[in-house]
Amino acid sequence: LMAEMDGIKAKQAKVRERAMKIQNGEPVDGKSAPLDAVAAGEEIARLKAESAQLKARGVELQTELSRMDVDPAALEQQARAAEDSVQQLCRERDNLRSTLQMSEDEHSNAREAWQSAMTELQ
C-alpha cells in the first residue's frame, strides 16, 4: 500500500508539472511549440480529471492504511470482549430454554388436569 501511495504522489507531481508547463505556455513532452488555447484547455481538463482520480485513490489507500494500523493489544481486548459477550448470550439462551421447558411442562400438567376435570364432569 505504501508503494502505491508513493506511486500516486509521483503521478500527482507529474500532473502538476505538466499543468504548470501548459499554463506557462511552455512546450509539453518535448514538442517544439506550446499547445494552442483550445488544446491547452482540453489538456488542463484532462489533467484535472486524472488528478481527481489519483486523489480519490489516495484517500482510499489512506483509509485502508489507517484500518490496518491497529494496536494488536486493542484487537486482543476486542476479541476477549466479543467472546465474553458470546458466552453471556449463550447463558441467557440456555436460561430461556430452561424457562420455556418449565412453562411447557406446566402447560402440559394444566392441560392434563383440565382434561381430567372435564372427564369427571361428563
N, C-alpha and C. Protein backbone atom coordinates (compact mmCIF):
# COMPACT_ATOMS: atom_id res chain seq x y z
N LEU A 1 0.82 -1.20 0.00
CA LEU A 1 0.00 0.00 0.00
C LEU A 1 0.86 1.26 0.00
N MET A 2 1.95 1.19 0.75
CA MET A 2 2.82 2.37 0.81
C MET A 2 3.45 2.63 -0.57
N ALA A 3 3.81 1.56 -1.28
CA ALA A 3 4.40 1.73 -2.61
C ALA A 3 3.38 2.35 -3.55
N GLU A 4 2.14 1.93 -3.45
CA GLU A 4 1.09 2.50 -4.30
C GLU A 4 0.86 3.97 -3.95
N MET A 5 0.90 4.28 -2.65
CA MET A 5 0.77 5.69 -2.23
C MET A 5 1.90 6.53 -2.81
N ASP A 6 3.13 6.01 -2.76
CA ASP A 6 4.27 6.73 -3.32
C ASP A 6 4.11 6.92 -4.83
N GLY A 7 3.60 5.89 -5.50
CA GLY A 7 3.35 5.99 -6.94
C GLY A 7 2.32 7.05 -7.26
N ILE A 8 1.28 7.13 -6.46
CA ILE A 8 0.24 8.15 -6.66
C ILE A 8 0.82 9.54 -6.46
N LYS A 9 1.64 9.70 -5.43
CA LYS A 9 2.26 11.01 -5.18
C LYS A 9 3.16 11.41 -6.35
N ALA A 10 3.90 10.46 -6.90
CA ALA A 10 4.77 10.76 -8.04
C ALA A 10 3.95 11.15 -9.27
N LYS A 11 2.85 10.42 -9.51
CA LYS A 11 1.99 10.75 -10.64
C LYS A 11 1.36 12.12 -10.47
N GLN A 12 0.95 12.44 -9.23
CA GLN A 12 0.37 13.77 -8.97
C GLN A 12 1.40 14.87 -9.23
N ALA A 13 2.64 14.62 -8.87
CA ALA A 13 3.69 15.61 -9.12
C ALA A 13 3.88 15.82 -10.62
N LYS A 14 3.86 14.72 -11.39
CA LYS A 14 4.00 14.83 -12.84
C LYS A 14 2.82 15.59 -13.45
N VAL A 15 1.62 15.32 -12.95
CA VAL A 15 0.43 16.02 -13.45
C VAL A 15 0.54 17.51 -13.16
N ARG A 16 0.97 17.85 -11.94
CA ARG A 16 1.13 19.27 -11.58
C ARG A 16 2.18 19.94 -12.47
N GLU A 17 3.29 19.24 -12.68
CA GLU A 17 4.36 19.79 -13.50
C GLU A 17 3.87 20.03 -14.93
N ARG A 18 3.15 19.07 -15.47
CA ARG A 18 2.62 19.21 -16.83
C ARG A 18 1.62 20.36 -16.90
N ALA A 19 0.76 20.49 -15.90
CA ALA A 19 -0.22 21.57 -15.87
C ALA A 19 0.48 22.93 -15.80
N MET A 20 1.54 23.00 -15.00
CA MET A 20 2.28 24.27 -14.90
C MET A 20 2.91 24.64 -16.24
N LYS A 21 3.45 23.66 -16.96
CA LYS A 21 4.04 23.93 -18.28
C LYS A 21 2.97 24.45 -19.23
N ILE A 22 1.82 23.82 -19.21
CA ILE A 22 0.74 24.25 -20.11
C ILE A 22 0.30 25.66 -19.76
N GLN A 23 0.11 25.94 -18.47
CA GLN A 23 -0.34 27.26 -18.04
C GLN A 23 0.70 28.34 -18.36
N ASN A 24 1.96 27.99 -18.30
CA ASN A 24 3.03 28.96 -18.58
C ASN A 24 3.33 29.09 -20.08
N GLY A 25 2.62 28.30 -20.90
CA GLY A 25 2.81 28.37 -22.34
C GLY A 25 4.09 27.73 -22.81
N GLU A 26 4.62 26.80 -22.04
CA GLU A 26 5.85 26.11 -22.42
C GLU A 26 5.51 24.88 -23.26
N PRO A 27 6.45 24.43 -24.09
CA PRO A 27 6.22 23.19 -24.87
C PRO A 27 6.07 21.99 -23.92
N VAL A 28 5.18 21.07 -24.29
CA VAL A 28 4.91 19.90 -23.46
C VAL A 28 5.44 18.66 -24.17
N ASP A 29 6.03 17.75 -23.44
CA ASP A 29 6.54 16.48 -23.99
C ASP A 29 7.56 16.69 -25.10
N GLY A 30 8.34 17.71 -25.01
CA GLY A 30 9.41 17.93 -25.98
C GLY A 30 8.93 18.42 -27.33
N LYS A 31 7.66 18.82 -27.42
CA LYS A 31 7.15 19.36 -28.69
C LYS A 31 7.80 20.71 -28.92
N SER A 32 7.91 21.07 -30.18
CA SER A 32 8.59 22.33 -30.49
C SER A 32 7.74 23.55 -30.19
N ALA A 33 6.43 23.42 -30.18
CA ALA A 33 5.58 24.58 -29.94
C ALA A 33 4.63 24.30 -28.78
N PRO A 34 4.29 25.33 -28.02
CA PRO A 34 3.31 25.13 -26.94
C PRO A 34 1.93 24.86 -27.52
N LEU A 35 1.04 24.30 -26.69
CA LEU A 35 -0.32 23.98 -27.13
C LEU A 35 -1.10 25.27 -27.36
N ASP A 36 -2.02 25.24 -28.34
CA ASP A 36 -2.88 26.42 -28.54
C ASP A 36 -3.90 26.48 -27.40
N ALA A 37 -4.70 27.53 -27.33
CA ALA A 37 -5.61 27.77 -26.21
C ALA A 37 -6.63 26.64 -26.06
N VAL A 38 -7.21 26.18 -27.16
CA VAL A 38 -8.22 25.13 -27.09
C VAL A 38 -7.60 23.81 -26.61
N ALA A 39 -6.49 23.44 -27.21
CA ALA A 39 -5.82 22.20 -26.82
C ALA A 39 -5.33 22.29 -25.38
N ALA A 40 -4.84 23.46 -24.98
CA ALA A 40 -4.39 23.65 -23.60
C ALA A 40 -5.55 23.48 -22.62
N GLY A 41 -6.71 24.05 -22.96
CA GLY A 41 -7.89 23.91 -22.10
C GLY A 41 -8.33 22.46 -21.96
N GLU A 42 -8.31 21.74 -23.08
CA GLU A 42 -8.69 20.33 -23.05
C GLU A 42 -7.70 19.52 -22.22
N GLU A 43 -6.43 19.81 -22.40
CA GLU A 43 -5.40 19.08 -21.66
C GLU A 43 -5.49 19.38 -20.16
N ILE A 44 -5.74 20.63 -19.80
CA ILE A 44 -5.90 21.00 -18.38
C ILE A 44 -7.10 20.27 -17.80
N ALA A 45 -8.21 20.20 -18.52
CA ALA A 45 -9.40 19.49 -18.04
C ALA A 45 -9.09 18.01 -17.84
N ARG A 46 -8.36 17.42 -18.77
CA ARG A 46 -7.98 16.01 -18.64
C ARG A 46 -7.07 15.80 -17.43
N LEU A 47 -6.13 16.72 -17.25
CA LEU A 47 -5.21 16.61 -16.10
C LEU A 47 -5.95 16.78 -14.78
N LYS A 48 -6.95 17.66 -14.75
CA LYS A 48 -7.75 17.83 -13.52
C LYS A 48 -8.51 16.55 -13.20
N ALA A 49 -9.07 15.92 -14.22
CA ALA A 49 -9.80 14.67 -14.00
C ALA A 49 -8.85 13.58 -13.50
N GLU A 50 -7.70 13.49 -14.12
CA GLU A 50 -6.71 12.50 -13.69
C GLU A 50 -6.27 12.76 -12.25
N SER A 51 -6.06 14.02 -11.93
CA SER A 51 -5.65 14.39 -10.58
C SER A 51 -6.73 14.04 -9.56
N ALA A 52 -7.99 14.26 -9.92
CA ALA A 52 -9.10 13.92 -9.02
C ALA A 52 -9.15 12.41 -8.78
N GLN A 53 -8.92 11.62 -9.83
CA GLN A 53 -8.90 10.16 -9.67
C GLN A 53 -7.76 9.73 -8.76
N LEU A 54 -6.60 10.32 -8.96
CA LEU A 54 -5.45 9.98 -8.12
C LEU A 54 -5.71 10.36 -6.67
N LYS A 55 -6.31 11.52 -6.47
CA LYS A 55 -6.59 11.97 -5.11
C LYS A 55 -7.59 11.03 -4.43
N ALA A 56 -8.64 10.63 -5.16
CA ALA A 56 -9.63 9.72 -4.60
C ALA A 56 -8.99 8.39 -4.22
N ARG A 57 -8.14 7.87 -5.09
CA ARG A 57 -7.46 6.61 -4.79
C ARG A 57 -6.54 6.77 -3.59
N GLY A 58 -5.89 7.93 -3.49
CA GLY A 58 -5.02 8.21 -2.34
C GLY A 58 -5.81 8.21 -1.04
N VAL A 59 -7.01 8.78 -1.06
CA VAL A 59 -7.87 8.79 0.13
C VAL A 59 -8.27 7.36 0.49
N GLU A 60 -8.62 6.55 -0.52
CA GLU A 60 -8.98 5.15 -0.26
C GLU A 60 -7.82 4.40 0.40
N LEU A 61 -6.63 4.61 -0.15
CA LEU A 61 -5.46 3.92 0.41
C LEU A 61 -5.17 4.39 1.83
N GLN A 62 -5.31 5.68 2.07
CA GLN A 62 -5.07 6.23 3.40
C GLN A 62 -6.06 5.64 4.41
N THR A 63 -7.31 5.50 4.00
CA THR A 63 -8.32 4.90 4.86
C THR A 63 -7.97 3.45 5.16
N GLU A 64 -7.56 2.73 4.13
CA GLU A 64 -7.18 1.33 4.32
C GLU A 64 -5.97 1.20 5.23
N LEU A 65 -5.01 2.09 5.06
CA LEU A 65 -3.82 2.08 5.92
C LEU A 65 -4.19 2.35 7.37
N SER A 66 -5.10 3.29 7.59
CA SER A 66 -5.48 3.61 8.96
C SER A 66 -6.22 2.43 9.61
N ARG A 67 -6.99 1.68 8.80
CA ARG A 67 -7.67 0.49 9.35
C ARG A 67 -6.67 -0.59 9.71
N MET A 68 -5.60 -0.67 8.93
CA MET A 68 -4.59 -1.70 9.18
C MET A 68 -3.68 -1.33 10.34
N ASP A 69 -3.60 -0.06 10.67
CA ASP A 69 -2.70 0.41 11.71
C ASP A 69 -3.41 0.39 13.07
N VAL A 70 -3.69 -0.84 13.54
CA VAL A 70 -4.39 -1.01 14.80
C VAL A 70 -3.47 -1.75 15.77
N ASP A 71 -3.54 -1.36 17.01
CA ASP A 71 -2.72 -1.96 18.05
C ASP A 71 -3.16 -3.41 18.29
N PRO A 72 -2.25 -4.37 18.24
CA PRO A 72 -2.62 -5.78 18.46
C PRO A 72 -3.25 -6.00 19.84
N ALA A 73 -2.79 -5.27 20.83
CA ALA A 73 -3.38 -5.42 22.17
C ALA A 73 -4.84 -4.98 22.17
N ALA A 74 -5.14 -3.92 21.43
CA ALA A 74 -6.52 -3.45 21.33
C ALA A 74 -7.39 -4.48 20.63
N LEU A 75 -6.84 -5.10 19.59
CA LEU A 75 -7.59 -6.15 18.90
C LEU A 75 -7.84 -7.35 19.81
N GLU A 76 -6.83 -7.70 20.59
CA GLU A 76 -6.98 -8.81 21.55
C GLU A 76 -8.06 -8.49 22.57
N GLN A 77 -8.07 -7.26 23.04
CA GLN A 77 -9.08 -6.84 24.01
C GLN A 77 -10.48 -6.89 23.39
N GLN A 78 -10.60 -6.44 22.15
CA GLN A 78 -11.90 -6.50 21.46
C GLN A 78 -12.35 -7.94 21.28
N ALA A 79 -11.42 -8.82 20.96
CA ALA A 79 -11.75 -10.23 20.78
C ALA A 79 -12.22 -10.84 22.10
N ARG A 80 -11.54 -10.52 23.19
CA ARG A 80 -11.97 -11.04 24.50
C ARG A 80 -13.35 -10.53 24.87
N ALA A 81 -13.59 -9.24 24.63
CA ALA A 81 -14.90 -8.66 24.94
C ALA A 81 -15.99 -9.34 24.10
N ALA A 82 -15.70 -9.60 22.84
CA ALA A 82 -16.67 -10.27 21.97
C ALA A 82 -16.93 -11.69 22.46
N GLU A 83 -15.88 -12.39 22.87
CA GLU A 83 -16.03 -13.76 23.37
C GLU A 83 -16.85 -13.77 24.67
N ASP A 84 -16.59 -12.81 25.56
CA ASP A 84 -17.36 -12.71 26.79
C ASP A 84 -18.83 -12.46 26.49
N SER A 85 -19.08 -11.62 25.52
CA SER A 85 -20.45 -11.31 25.12
C SER A 85 -21.14 -12.55 24.56
N VAL A 86 -20.43 -13.31 23.75
CA VAL A 86 -20.98 -14.55 23.19
C VAL A 86 -21.31 -15.53 24.31
N GLN A 87 -20.42 -15.67 25.27
CA GLN A 87 -20.67 -16.60 26.37
C GLN A 87 -21.88 -16.15 27.21
N GLN A 88 -22.00 -14.85 27.44
CA GLN A 88 -23.14 -14.32 28.18
C GLN A 88 -24.44 -14.60 27.44
N LEU A 89 -24.43 -14.40 26.13
CA LEU A 89 -25.63 -14.66 25.33
C LEU A 89 -25.98 -16.15 25.33
N CYS A 90 -24.97 -17.01 25.33
CA CYS A 90 -25.22 -18.46 25.41
C CYS A 90 -25.88 -18.83 26.73
N ARG A 91 -25.39 -18.22 27.82
CA ARG A 91 -26.01 -18.49 29.13
C ARG A 91 -27.46 -18.01 29.15
N GLU A 92 -27.71 -16.83 28.58
CA GLU A 92 -29.08 -16.32 28.53
C GLU A 92 -29.97 -17.25 27.70
N ARG A 93 -29.44 -17.72 26.56
CA ARG A 93 -30.20 -18.65 25.71
C ARG A 93 -30.54 -19.92 26.49
N ASP A 94 -29.57 -20.46 27.21
CA ASP A 94 -29.81 -21.68 27.98
C ASP A 94 -30.85 -21.45 29.07
N ASN A 95 -30.78 -20.30 29.73
CA ASN A 95 -31.77 -19.97 30.76
C ASN A 95 -33.16 -19.84 30.15
N LEU A 96 -33.25 -19.21 28.99
CA LEU A 96 -34.55 -19.07 28.33
C LEU A 96 -35.09 -20.43 27.90
N ARG A 97 -34.22 -21.32 27.44
CA ARG A 97 -34.66 -22.66 27.08
C ARG A 97 -35.20 -23.40 28.30
N SER A 98 -34.51 -23.26 29.42
CA SER A 98 -34.97 -23.91 30.66
C SER A 98 -36.33 -23.36 31.08
N THR A 99 -36.47 -22.05 31.01
CA THR A 99 -37.74 -21.41 31.37
C THR A 99 -38.84 -21.87 30.43
N LEU A 100 -38.56 -21.96 29.16
CA LEU A 100 -39.55 -22.43 28.19
C LEU A 100 -39.94 -23.88 28.48
N GLN A 101 -38.97 -24.70 28.77
CA GLN A 101 -39.26 -26.10 29.07
C GLN A 101 -40.15 -26.21 30.31
N MET A 102 -39.85 -25.43 31.34
CA MET A 102 -40.67 -25.44 32.56
C MET A 102 -42.09 -24.96 32.25
N SER A 103 -42.20 -23.93 31.43
CA SER A 103 -43.53 -23.42 31.05
C SER A 103 -44.31 -24.46 30.26
N GLU A 104 -43.64 -25.15 29.35
CA GLU A 104 -44.31 -26.20 28.58
C GLU A 104 -44.75 -27.35 29.48
N ASP A 105 -43.91 -27.70 30.47
CA ASP A 105 -44.28 -28.76 31.41
C ASP A 105 -45.50 -28.34 32.23
N GLU A 106 -45.50 -27.09 32.71
CA GLU A 106 -46.65 -26.58 33.49
C GLU A 106 -47.91 -26.57 32.64
N HIS A 107 -47.76 -26.16 31.39
CA HIS A 107 -48.91 -26.14 30.48
C HIS A 107 -49.45 -27.55 30.26
N SER A 108 -48.54 -28.50 30.07
CA SER A 108 -48.94 -29.89 29.87
C SER A 108 -49.67 -30.42 31.10
N ASN A 109 -49.14 -30.12 32.29
CA ASN A 109 -49.78 -30.55 33.53
C ASN A 109 -51.16 -29.92 33.69
N ALA A 110 -51.25 -28.62 33.36
CA ALA A 110 -52.54 -27.94 33.48
C ALA A 110 -53.54 -28.52 32.48
N ARG A 111 -53.10 -28.84 31.30
CA ARG A 111 -53.99 -29.42 30.28
C ARG A 111 -54.48 -30.80 30.74
N GLU A 112 -53.56 -31.59 31.31
CA GLU A 112 -53.97 -32.91 31.80
C GLU A 112 -54.99 -32.76 32.93
N ALA A 113 -54.76 -31.79 33.83
CA ALA A 113 -55.70 -31.57 34.93
C ALA A 113 -57.05 -31.11 34.38
N TRP A 114 -57.03 -30.24 33.37
CA TRP A 114 -58.28 -29.75 32.79
C TRP A 114 -59.03 -30.90 32.11
N GLN A 115 -58.30 -31.74 31.36
CA GLN A 115 -58.94 -32.86 30.68
C GLN A 115 -59.51 -33.86 31.70
N SER A 116 -58.77 -34.05 32.80
CA SER A 116 -59.27 -34.95 33.85
C SER A 116 -60.52 -34.40 34.47
N ALA A 117 -60.54 -33.09 34.73
CA ALA A 117 -61.73 -32.45 35.33
C ALA A 117 -62.91 -32.52 34.34
N MET A 118 -62.66 -32.33 33.07
CA MET A 118 -63.72 -32.39 32.08
C MET A 118 -64.28 -33.81 31.98
N THR A 119 -63.40 -34.80 32.10
CA THR A 119 -63.84 -36.20 32.04
C THR A 119 -64.71 -36.51 33.24
N GLU A 120 -64.37 -36.00 34.42
CA GLU A 120 -65.14 -36.24 35.63
C GLU A 120 -66.52 -35.58 35.54
N LEU A 121 -66.58 -34.42 34.87
CA LEU A 121 -67.88 -33.72 34.73
C LEU A 121 -68.81 -34.46 33.79
N GLN A 122 -68.29 -35.22 32.87
CA GLN A 122 -69.15 -35.92 31.90
C GLN A 122 -69.68 -37.14 32.56
